[in-house]
Amino acid sequence: MEQLLLLVIYTARPGMREEFVQKVREAGILEAIRKENGCVRYDYFYSEEDENQLLLVEKWETEECQRVHMEQPHMHKLAEIKDRCMTDTKLERFLI
């Protein structure tokens, strides 16, 4: 069975990149996501070249697990934080 790998590139409002990650962590969202059925990896990485860029690496056992993930209540809270802190999101999707 193929796993799903997502690379999500966020562009933060100036000075909001670290605040975004801090708010997500403080709200317990990272912990909740990592405990979800089928979550293999969910990690943020900072760009060395752009102080407003953030990379999210998500890996899921199946596409269905990721679809269920997107419907979880903590994802609504994540969307609120994202709307406050981010200006742009780009997604790259791979079946591996």
PDB file of N, CA and C in Angstrom:
ATOM      1  N   MET A   1       0.841  -1.186   0.000  1.00  0.00           N
ATOM      2  CA  MET A   1       0.000   0.000   0.000  1.00  0.00           C
ATOM      3  C   MET A   1       0.884   1.248   0.000  1.00  0.00           C
ATOM      4  N   GLU A   2       0.516   2.227  -0.779  1.00  0.00           N
ATOM      5  CA  GLU A   2       1.292   3.459  -0.875  1.00  0.00           C
ATOM      6  C   GLU A   2       0.998   4.392   0.295  1.00  0.00           C
ATOM      7  N   GLN A   3       2.061   5.000   0.814  1.00  0.00           N
ATOM      8  CA  GLN A   3       1.910   6.025   1.833  1.00  0.00           C
ATOM      9  C   GLN A   3       1.825   7.383   1.149  1.00  0.00           C
ATOM     10  N   LEU A   4       1.302   8.354   1.876  1.00  0.00           N
ATOM     11  CA  LEU A   4       1.158   9.713   1.363  1.00  0.00           C
ATOM     12  C   LEU A   4       2.175  10.614   2.044  1.00  0.00           C
ATOM     13  N   LEU A   5       2.957  11.327   1.238  1.00  0.00           N
ATOM     14  CA  LEU A   5       3.925  12.302   1.732  1.00  0.00           C
ATOM     15  C   LEU A   5       3.500  13.680   1.243  1.00  0.00           C
ATOM     16  N   LEU A   6       3.372  14.615   2.174  1.00  0.00           N
ATOM     17  CA  LEU A   6       3.016  15.990   1.838  1.00  0.00           C
ATOM     18  C   LEU A   6       4.139  16.908   2.278  1.00  0.00           C
ATOM     19  N   LEU A   7       4.531  17.810   1.390  1.00  0.00           N
ATOM     20  CA  LEU A   7       5.459  18.886   1.715  1.00  0.00           C
ATOM     21  C   LEU A   7       4.657  20.174   1.591  1.00  0.00           C
ATOM     22  N   VAL A   8       4.508  20.875   2.702  1.00  0.00           N
ATOM     23  CA  VAL A   8       3.699  22.090   2.735  1.00  0.00           C
ATOM     24  C   VAL A   8       4.631  23.258   3.039  1.00  0.00           C
ATOM     25  N   ILE A   9       4.711  24.203   2.125  1.00  0.00           N
ATOM     26  CA  ILE A   9       5.557  25.375   2.312  1.00  0.00           C
ATOM     27  C   ILE A   9       4.661  26.546   2.695  1.00  0.00           C
ATOM     28  N   TYR A  10       4.860  27.029   3.916  1.00  0.00           N
ATOM     29  CA  TYR A  10       4.112  28.179   4.424  1.00  0.00           C
ATOM     30  C   TYR A  10       4.973  29.436   4.290  1.00  0.00           C
ATOM     31  N   THR A  11       4.343  30.546   3.967  1.00  0.00           N
ATOM     32  CA  THR A  11       4.985  31.846   4.045  1.00  0.00           C
ATOM     33  C   THR A  11       4.257  32.636   5.123  1.00  0.00           C
ATOM     34  N   ALA A  12       5.009  33.008   6.147  1.00  0.00           N
ATOM     35  CA  ALA A  12       4.429  33.705   7.299  1.00  0.00           C
ATOM     36  C   ALA A  12       4.413  35.212   7.065  1.00  0.00           C
ATOM     37  N   ARG A  13       3.509  35.864   7.765  1.00  0.00           N
ATOM     38  CA  ARG A  13       3.558  37.320   7.824  1.00  0.00           C
ATOM     39  C   ARG A  13       4.890  37.672   8.509  1.00  0.00           C
ATOM     40  N   PRO A  14       5.470  38.814   8.195  1.00  0.00           N
ATOM     41  CA  PRO A  14       6.765  39.162   8.783  1.00  0.00           C
ATOM     42  C   PRO A  14       6.769  38.994  10.309  1.00  0.00           C
ATOM     43  N   GLY A  15       7.748  38.233  10.787  1.00  0.00           N
ATOM     44  CA  GLY A  15       7.922  38.020  12.220  1.00  0.00           C
ATOM     45  C   GLY A  15       6.968  37.029  12.862  1.00  0.00           C
ATOM     46  N   MET A  16       6.139  36.348  12.090  1.00  0.00           N
ATOM     47  CA  MET A  16       5.096  35.477  12.666  1.00  0.00           C
ATOM     48  C   MET A  16       5.423  33.985  12.571  1.00  0.00           C
ATOM     49  N   ARG A  17       6.522  33.613  11.939  1.00  0.00           N
ATOM     50  CA  ARG A  17       6.833  32.197  11.745  1.00  0.00           C
ATOM     51  C   ARG A  17       6.972  31.462  13.081  1.00  0.00           C
ATOM     52  N   GLU A  18       7.798  31.971  13.975  1.00  0.00           N
ATOM     53  CA  GLU A  18       8.014  31.308  15.260  1.00  0.00           C
ATOM     54  C   GLU A  18       6.746  31.329  16.118  1.00  0.00           C
ATOM     55  N   GLU A  19       6.004  32.426  16.038  1.00  0.00           N
ATOM     56  CA  GLU A  19       4.756  32.522  16.798  1.00  0.00           C
ATOM     57  C   GLU A  19       3.769  31.453  16.349  1.00  0.00           C
ATOM     58  N   PHE A  20       3.693  31.216  15.039  1.00  0.00           N
ATOM     59  CA  PHE A  20       2.811  30.182  14.518  1.00  0.00           C
ATOM     60  C   PHE A  20       3.137  28.827  15.137  1.00  0.00           C
ATOM     61  N   VAL A  21       4.397  28.429  15.082  1.00  0.00           N
ATOM     62  CA  VAL A  21       4.792  27.124  15.616  1.00  0.00           C
ATOM     63  C   VAL A  21       4.541  27.072  17.120  1.00  0.00           C
ATOM     64  N   GLN A  22       4.852  28.143  17.820  1.00  0.00           N
ATOM     65  CA  GLN A  22       4.636  28.196  19.268  1.00  0.00           C
ATOM     66  C   GLN A  22       3.151  28.043  19.608  1.00  0.00           C
ATOM     67  N   LYS A  23       2.286  28.757  18.897  1.00  0.00           N
ATOM     68  CA  LYS A  23       0.839  28.678  19.168  1.00  0.00           C
ATOM     69  C   LYS A  23       0.297  27.282  18.867  1.00  0.00           C
ATOM     70  N   VAL A  24       0.765  26.676  17.781  1.00  0.00           N
ATOM     71  CA  VAL A  24       0.324  25.316  17.430  1.00  0.00           C
ATOM     72  C   VAL A  24       0.745  24.335  18.516  1.00  0.00           C
ATOM     73  N   ARG A  25       1.979  24.483  18.990  1.00  0.00           N
ATOM     74  CA  ARG A  25       2.482  23.597  20.047  1.00  0.00           C
ATOM     75  C   ARG A  25       1.713  23.815  21.358  1.00  0.00           C
ATOM     76  N   GLU A  26       1.563  25.086  21.756  1.00  0.00           N
ATOM     77  CA  GLU A  26       0.879  25.413  23.014  1.00  0.00           C
ATOM     78  C   GLU A  26      -0.571  24.933  23.032  1.00  0.00           C
ATOM     79  N   ALA A  27      -1.223  24.951  21.871  1.00  0.00           N
ATOM     80  CA  ALA A  27      -2.620  24.515  21.784  1.00  0.00           C
ATOM     81  C   ALA A  27      -2.761  22.990  21.814  1.00  0.00           C
ATOM     82  N   GLY A  28      -1.625  22.273  21.817  1.00  0.00           N
ATOM     83  CA  GLY A  28      -1.663  20.807  21.842  1.00  0.00           C
ATOM     84  C   GLY A  28      -1.953  20.183  20.484  1.00  0.00           C
ATOM     85  N   ILE A  29      -1.908  20.994  19.446  1.00  0.00           N
ATOM     86  CA  ILE A  29      -2.262  20.509  18.115  1.00  0.00           C
ATOM     87  C   ILE A  29      -1.233  19.518  17.589  1.00  0.00           C
ATOM     88  N   LEU A  30       0.059  19.818  17.748  1.00  0.00           N
ATOM     89  CA  LEU A  30       1.094  18.898  17.267  1.00  0.00           C
ATOM     90  C   LEU A  30       0.970  17.534  17.930  1.00  0.00           C
ATOM     91  N   GLU A  31       0.788  17.537  19.227  1.00  0.00           N
ATOM     92  CA  GLU A  31       0.642  16.274  19.965  1.00  0.00           C
ATOM     93  C   GLU A  31      -0.589  15.504  19.489  1.00  0.00           C
ATOM     94  N   ALA A  32      -1.697  16.210  19.296  1.00  0.00           N
ATOM     95  CA  ALA A  32      -2.932  15.557  18.841  1.00  0.00           C
ATOM     96  C   ALA A  32      -2.753  14.951  17.451  1.00  0.00           C
ATOM     97  N   ILE A  33      -2.123  15.692  16.544  1.00  0.00           N
ATOM     98  CA  ILE A  33      -1.925  15.187  15.184  1.00  0.00           C
ATOM     99  C   ILE A  33      -1.037  13.957  15.194  1.00  0.00           C
ATOM    100  N   ARG A  34       0.052  14.032  15.947  1.00  0.00           N
ATOM    101  CA  ARG A  34       1.010  12.919  15.969  1.00  0.00           C
ATOM    102  C   ARG A  34       0.410  11.648  16.560  1.00  0.00           C
ATOM    103  N   LYS A  35      -0.668  11.772  17.323  1.00  0.00           N
ATOM    104  CA  LYS A  35      -1.358  10.608  17.899  1.00  0.00           C
ATOM    105  C   LYS A  35      -2.462  10.070  16.992  1.00  0.00           C
ATOM    106  N   GLU A  36      -2.753  10.777  15.917  1.00  0.00           N
ATOM    107  CA  GLU A  36      -3.829  10.343  15.028  1.00  0.00           C
ATOM    108  C   GLU A  36      -3.492   9.023  14.353  1.00  0.00           C
ATOM    109  N   ASN A  37      -4.528   8.250  14.089  1.00  0.00           N
ATOM    110  CA  ASN A  37      -4.378   6.992  13.367  1.00  0.00           C
ATOM    111  C   ASN A  37      -3.747   7.245  12.001  1.00  0.00           C
ATOM    112  N   GLY A  38      -2.645   6.554  11.733  1.00  0.00           N
ATOM    113  CA  GLY A  38      -2.020   6.641  10.418  1.00  0.00           C
ATOM    114  C   GLY A  38      -0.969   7.715  10.261  1.00  0.00           C
ATOM    115  N   CYS A  39      -0.745   8.533  11.288  1.00  0.00           N
ATOM    116  CA  CYS A  39       0.278   9.573  11.194  1.00  0.00           C
ATOM    117  C   CYS A  39       1.647   8.937  11.397  1.00  0.00           C
ATOM    118  N   VAL A  40       2.485   9.046  10.389  1.00  0.00           N
ATOM    119  CA  VAL A  40       3.842   8.521  10.454  1.00  0.00           C
ATOM    120  C   VAL A  40       4.812   9.634  10.846  1.00  0.00           C
ATOM    121  N   ARG A  41       4.565  10.840  10.304  1.00  0.00           N
ATOM    122  CA  ARG A  41       5.448  11.985  10.592  1.00  0.00           C
ATOM    123  C   ARG A  41       4.667  13.278  10.414  1.00  0.00           C
ATOM    124  N   TYR A  42       4.967  14.242  11.292  1.00  0.00           N
ATOM    125  CA  TYR A  42       4.384  15.575  11.188  1.00  0.00           C
ATOM    126  C   TYR A  42       5.368  16.534  11.858  1.00  0.00           C
ATOM    127  N   ASP A  43       6.218  17.185  11.058  1.00  0.00           N
ATOM    128  CA  ASP A  43       7.287  18.028  11.593  1.00  0.00           C
ATOM    129  C   ASP A  43       7.426  19.316  10.794  1.00  0.00           C
ATOM    130  N   TYR A  44       7.744  20.397  11.528  1.00  0.00           N
ATOM    131  CA  TYR A  44       8.023  21.694  10.918  1.00  0.00           C
ATOM    132  C   TYR A  44       9.532  21.915  10.845  1.00  0.00           C
ATOM    133  N   PHE A  45       9.974  22.590   9.768  1.00  0.00           N
ATOM    134  CA  PHE A  45      11.377  22.930   9.583  1.00  0.00           C
ATOM    135  C   PHE A  45      11.476  24.384   9.126  1.00  0.00           C
ATOM    136  N   TYR A  46      12.452  25.113   9.684  1.00  0.00           N
ATOM    137  CA  TYR A  46      12.672  26.510   9.322  1.00  0.00           C
ATOM    138  C   TYR A  46      13.614  26.627   8.133  1.00  0.00           C
ATOM    139  N   SER A  47      13.324  27.553   7.231  1.00  0.00           N
ATOM    140  CA  SER A  47      14.210  27.857   6.116  1.00  0.00           C
ATOM    141  C   SER A  47      15.386  28.689   6.618  1.00  0.00           C
ATOM    142  N   GLU A  48      16.579  28.376   6.149  1.00  0.00           N
ATOM    143  CA  GLU A  48      17.746  29.185   6.469  1.00  0.00           C
ATOM    144  C   GLU A  48      17.799  30.440   5.598  1.00  0.00           C
ATOM    145  N   GLU A  49      17.183  30.392   4.429  1.00  0.00           N
ATOM    146  CA  GLU A  49      17.278  31.490   3.473  1.00  0.00           C
ATOM    147  C   GLU A  49      16.166  32.524   3.608  1.00  0.00           C
ATOM    148  N   ASP A  50      15.024  32.114   4.137  1.00  0.00           N
ATOM    149  CA  ASP A  50      13.878  33.027   4.216  1.00  0.00           C
ATOM    150  C   ASP A  50      13.286  32.943   5.621  1.00  0.00           C
ATOM    151  N   GLU A  51      13.432  34.020   6.372  1.00  0.00           N
ATOM    152  CA  GLU A  51      12.984  34.021   7.772  1.00  0.00           C
ATOM    153  C   GLU A  51      11.470  33.925   7.928  1.00  0.00           C
ATOM    154  N   ASN A  52      10.744  34.013   6.829  1.00  0.00           N
ATOM    155  CA  ASN A  52       9.289  33.904   6.887  1.00  0.00           C
ATOM    156  C   ASN A  52       8.775  32.589   6.320  1.00  0.00           C
ATOM    157  N   GLN A  53       9.680  31.707   5.920  1.00  0.00           N
ATOM    158  CA  GLN A  53       9.260  30.448   5.312  1.00  0.00           C
ATOM    159  C   GLN A  53       9.382  29.287   6.298  1.00  0.00           C
ATOM    160  N   LEU A  54       8.410  28.380   6.216  1.00  0.00           N
ATOM    161  CA  LEU A  54       8.325  27.224   7.093  1.00  0.00           C
ATOM    162  C   LEU A  54       7.914  26.021   6.245  1.00  0.00           C
ATOM    163  N   LEU A  55       8.586  24.900   6.456  1.00  0.00           N
ATOM    164  CA  LEU A  55       8.258  23.672   5.732  1.00  0.00           C
ATOM    165  C   LEU A  55       7.621  22.683   6.704  1.00  0.00           C
ATOM    166  N   LEU A  56       6.483  22.144   6.325  1.00  0.00           N
ATOM    167  CA  LEU A  56       5.828  21.071   7.070  1.00  0.00           C
ATOM    168  C   LEU A  56       5.982  19.784   6.269  1.00  0.00           C
ATOM    169  N   VAL A  57       6.508  18.757   6.922  1.00  0.00           N
ATOM    170  CA  VAL A  57       6.619  17.432   6.308  1.00  0.00           C
ATOM    171  C   VAL A  57       5.607  16.539   6.998  1.00  0.00           C
ATOM    172  N   GLU A  58       4.648  16.050   6.223  1.00  0.00           N
ATOM    173  CA  GLU A  58       3.622  15.134   6.729  1.00  0.00           C
ATOM    174  C   GLU A  58       3.753  13.805   6.004  1.00  0.00           C
ATOM    175  N   LYS A  59       3.663  12.720   6.751  1.00  0.00           N
ATOM    176  CA  LYS A  59       3.651  11.401   6.131  1.00  0.00           C
ATOM    177  C   LYS A  59       2.537  10.603   6.795  1.00  0.00           C
ATOM    178  N   TRP A  60       1.692  10.002   5.953  1.00  0.00           N
ATOM    179  CA  TRP A  60       0.523   9.261   6.408  1.00  0.00           C
ATOM    180  C   TRP A  60       0.545   7.848   5.833  1.00  0.00           C
ATOM    181  N   GLU A  61       0.040   6.901   6.617  1.00  0.00           N
ATOM    182  CA  GLU A  61      -0.012   5.512   6.149  1.00  0.00           C
ATOM    183  C   GLU A  61      -0.843   5.360   4.889  1.00  0.00           C
ATOM    184  N   THR A  62      -1.942   6.132   4.804  1.00  0.00           N
ATOM    185  CA  THR A  62      -2.818   6.087   3.630  1.00  0.00           C
ATOM    186  C   THR A  62      -3.398   7.476   3.358  1.00  0.00           C
ATOM    187  N   GLU A  63      -3.895   7.660   2.159  1.00  0.00           N
ATOM    188  CA  GLU A  63      -4.586   8.905   1.820  1.00  0.00           C
ATOM    189  C   GLU A  63      -5.835   9.081   2.683  1.00  0.00           C
ATOM    190  N   GLU A  64      -6.504   7.983   2.978  1.00  0.00           N
ATOM    191  CA  GLU A  64      -7.714   8.047   3.811  1.00  0.00           C
ATOM    192  C   GLU A  64      -7.386   8.562   5.213  1.00  0.00           C
ATOM    193  N   CYS A  65      -6.287   8.126   5.791  1.00  0.00           N
ATOM    194  CA  CYS A  65      -5.887   8.618   7.119  1.00  0.00           C
ATOM    195  C   CYS A  65      -5.701  10.133   7.084  1.00  0.00           C
ATOM    196  N   GLN A  66      -5.113  10.645   6.023  1.00  0.00           N
ATOM    197  CA  GLN A  66      -4.903  12.088   5.915  1.00  0.00           C
ATOM    198  C   GLN A  66      -6.228  12.817   5.721  1.00  0.00           C
ATOM    199  N   ARG A  67      -7.150  12.218   4.979  1.00  0.00           N
ATOM    200  CA  ARG A  67      -8.475  12.836   4.803  1.00  0.00           C
ATOM    201  C   ARG A  67      -9.208  12.940   6.146  1.00  0.00           C
ATOM    202  N   VAL A  68      -9.153  11.876   6.931  1.00  0.00           N
ATOM    203  CA  VAL A  68      -9.787  11.886   8.260  1.00  0.00           C
ATOM    204  C   VAL A  68      -9.109  12.939   9.140  1.00  0.00           C
ATOM    205  N   HIS A  69      -7.801  13.019   9.048  1.00  0.00           N
ATOM    206  CA  HIS A  69      -7.022  14.012   9.803  1.00  0.00           C
ATOM    207  C   HIS A  69      -7.544  15.430   9.557  1.00  0.00           C
ATOM    208  N   MET A  70      -7.832  15.751   8.329  1.00  0.00           N
ATOM    209  CA  MET A  70      -8.271  17.102   7.984  1.00  0.00           C
ATOM    210  C   MET A  70      -9.627  17.460   8.586  1.00  0.00           C
ATOM    211  N   GLU A  71     -10.389  16.470   9.029  1.00  0.00           N
ATOM    212  CA  GLU A  71     -11.715  16.704   9.598  1.00  0.00           C
ATOM    213  C   GLU A  71     -11.703  16.778  11.123  1.00  0.00           C
ATOM    214  N   GLN A  72     -10.546  16.625  11.742  1.00  0.00           N
ATOM    215  CA  GLN A  72     -10.463  16.612  13.202  1.00  0.00           C
ATOM    216  C   GLN A  72     -10.679  18.015  13.775  1.00  0.00           C
ATOM    217  N   PRO A  73     -11.277  18.106  14.972  1.00  0.00           N
ATOM    218  CA  PRO A  73     -11.547  19.420  15.582  1.00  0.00           C
ATOM    219  C   PRO A  73     -10.297  20.288  15.746  1.00  0.00           C
ATOM    220  N   HIS A  74      -9.159  19.676  16.077  1.00  0.00           N
ATOM    221  CA  HIS A  74      -7.950  20.486  16.269  1.00  0.00           C
ATOM    222  C   HIS A  74      -7.471  21.119  14.963  1.00  0.00           C
ATOM    223  N   MET A  75      -7.913  20.600  13.837  1.00  0.00           N
ATOM    224  CA  MET A  75      -7.538  21.192  12.556  1.00  0.00           C
ATOM    225  C   MET A  75      -8.255  22.522  12.324  1.00  0.00           C
ATOM    226  N   HIS A  76      -9.423  22.703  12.934  1.00  0.00           N
ATOM    227  CA  HIS A  76     -10.127  23.985  12.843  1.00  0.00           C
ATOM    228  C   HIS A  76      -9.342  25.055  13.608  1.00  0.00           C
ATOM    229  N   LYS A  77      -8.820  24.672  14.775  1.00  0.00           N
ATOM    230  CA  LYS A  77      -8.000  25.598  15.569  1.00  0.00           C
ATOM    231  C   LYS A  77      -6.710  25.924  14.809  1.00  0.00           C
ATOM    232  N   LEU A  78      -6.100  24.917  14.185  1.00  0.00           N
ATOM    233  CA  LEU A  78      -4.893  25.142  13.390  1.00  0.00           C
ATOM    234  C   LEU A  78      -5.182  26.133  12.259  1.00  0.00           C
ATOM    235  N   ALA A  79      -6.313  25.995  11.619  1.00  0.00           N
ATOM    236  CA  ALA A  79      -6.687  26.906  10.525  1.00  0.00           C
ATOM    237  C   ALA A  79      -6.805  28.348  11.027  1.00  0.00           C
ATOM    238  N   GLU A  80      -7.337  28.527  12.217  1.00  0.00           N
ATOM    239  CA  GLU A  80      -7.445  29.871  12.798  1.00  0.00           C
ATOM    240  C   GLU A  80      -6.063  30.481  13.026  1.00  0.00           C
ATOM    241  N   ILE A  81      -5.154  29.683  13.574  1.00  0.00           N
ATOM    242  CA  ILE A  81      -3.795  30.162  13.822  1.00  0.00           C
ATOM    243  C   ILE A  81      -3.103  30.463  12.495  1.00  0.00           C
ATOM    244  N   LYS A  82      -3.288  29.585  11.534  1.00  0.00           N
ATOM    245  CA  LYS A  82      -2.687  29.775  10.214  1.00  0.00           C
ATOM    246  C   LYS A  82      -3.197  31.063   9.565  1.00  0.00           C
ATOM    247  N   ASP A  83      -4.490  31.304   9.636  1.00  0.00           N
ATOM    248  CA  ASP A  83      -5.059  32.519   9.043  1.00  0.00           C
ATOM    249  C   ASP A  83      -4.460  33.778   9.657  1.00  0.00           C
ATOM    250  N   ARG A  84      -4.160  33.715  10.956  1.00  0.00           N
ATOM    251  CA  ARG A  84      -3.591  34.867  11.656  1.00  0.00           C
ATOM    252  C   ARG A  84      -2.112  35.084  11.306  1.00  0.00           C
ATOM    253  N   CYS A  85      -1.376  33.999  11.071  1.00  0.00           N
ATOM    254  CA  CYS A  85       0.083  34.083  10.953  1.00  0.00           C
ATOM    255  C   CYS A  85       0.635  33.936   9.541  1.00  0.00           C
ATOM    256  N   MET A  86      -0.101  33.333   8.638  1.00  0.00           N
ATOM    257  CA  MET A  86       0.446  32.996   7.319  1.00  0.00           C
ATOM    258  C   MET A  86      -0.203  33.804   6.200  1.00  0.00           C
ATOM    259  N   THR A  87       0.564  33.993   5.122  1.00  0.00           N
ATOM    260  CA  THR A  87       0.032  34.687   3.944  1.00  0.00           C
ATOM    261  C   THR A  87      -0.134  33.759   2.755  1.00  0.00           C
ATOM    262  N   ASP A  88       0.632  32.639   2.734  1.00  0.00           N
ATOM    263  CA  ASP A  88       0.591  31.772   1.564  1.00  0.00           C
ATOM    264  C   ASP A  88       0.930  30.341   1.964  1.00  0.00           C
ATOM    265  N   THR A  89       0.359  29.394   1.230  1.00  0.00           N
ATOM    266  CA  THR A  89       0.632  27.964   1.436  1.00  0.00           C
ATOM    267  C   THR A  89       0.763  27.303   0.080  1.00  0.00           C
ATOM    268  N   LYS A  90       1.823  26.513  -0.073  1.00  0.00           N
ATOM    269  CA  LYS A  90       2.010  25.712  -1.282  1.00  0.00           C
ATOM    270  C   LYS A  90       2.144  24.263  -0.861  1.00  0.00           C
ATOM    271  N   LEU A  91       1.517  23.373  -1.615  1.00  0.00           N
ATOM    272  CA  LEU A  91       1.475  21.949  -1.272  1.00  0.00           C
ATOM    273  C   LEU A  91       2.066  21.113  -2.393  1.00  0.00           C
ATOM    274  N   GLU A  92       2.947  20.192  -2.013  1.00  0.00           N
ATOM    275  CA  GLU A  92       3.451  19.188  -2.942  1.00  0.00           C
ATOM    276  C   GLU A  92       3.047  17.834  -2.361  1.00  0.00           C
ATOM    277  N   ARG A  93       2.495  16.967  -3.202  1.00  0.00           N
ATOM    278  CA  ARG A  93       1.886  15.711  -2.761  1.00  0.00           C
ATOM    279  C   ARG A  93       2.524  14.544  -3.506  1.00  0.00           C
ATOM    280  N   PHE A  94       2.918  13.499  -2.741  1.00  0.00           N
ATOM    281  CA  PHE A  94       3.579  12.346  -3.333  1.00  0.00           C
ATOM    282  C   PHE A  94       3.004  11.061  -2.749  1.00  0.00           C
ATOM    283  N   LEU A  95       2.808  10.055  -3.580  1.00  0.00           N
ATOM    284  CA  LEU A  95       2.495   8.712  -3.127  1.00  0.00           C
ATOM    285  C   LEU A  95       3.803   7.940  -3.186  1.00  0.00           C
ATOM    286  N   ILE A  96       4.159   7.336  -2.059  1.00  0.00           N
ATOM    287  CA  ILE A  96       5.465   6.640  -1.998  1.00  0.00           C
ATOM    288  C   ILE A  96       5.305   5.201  -1.562  1.00  0.00           C
TER     289      ILE A  96
END
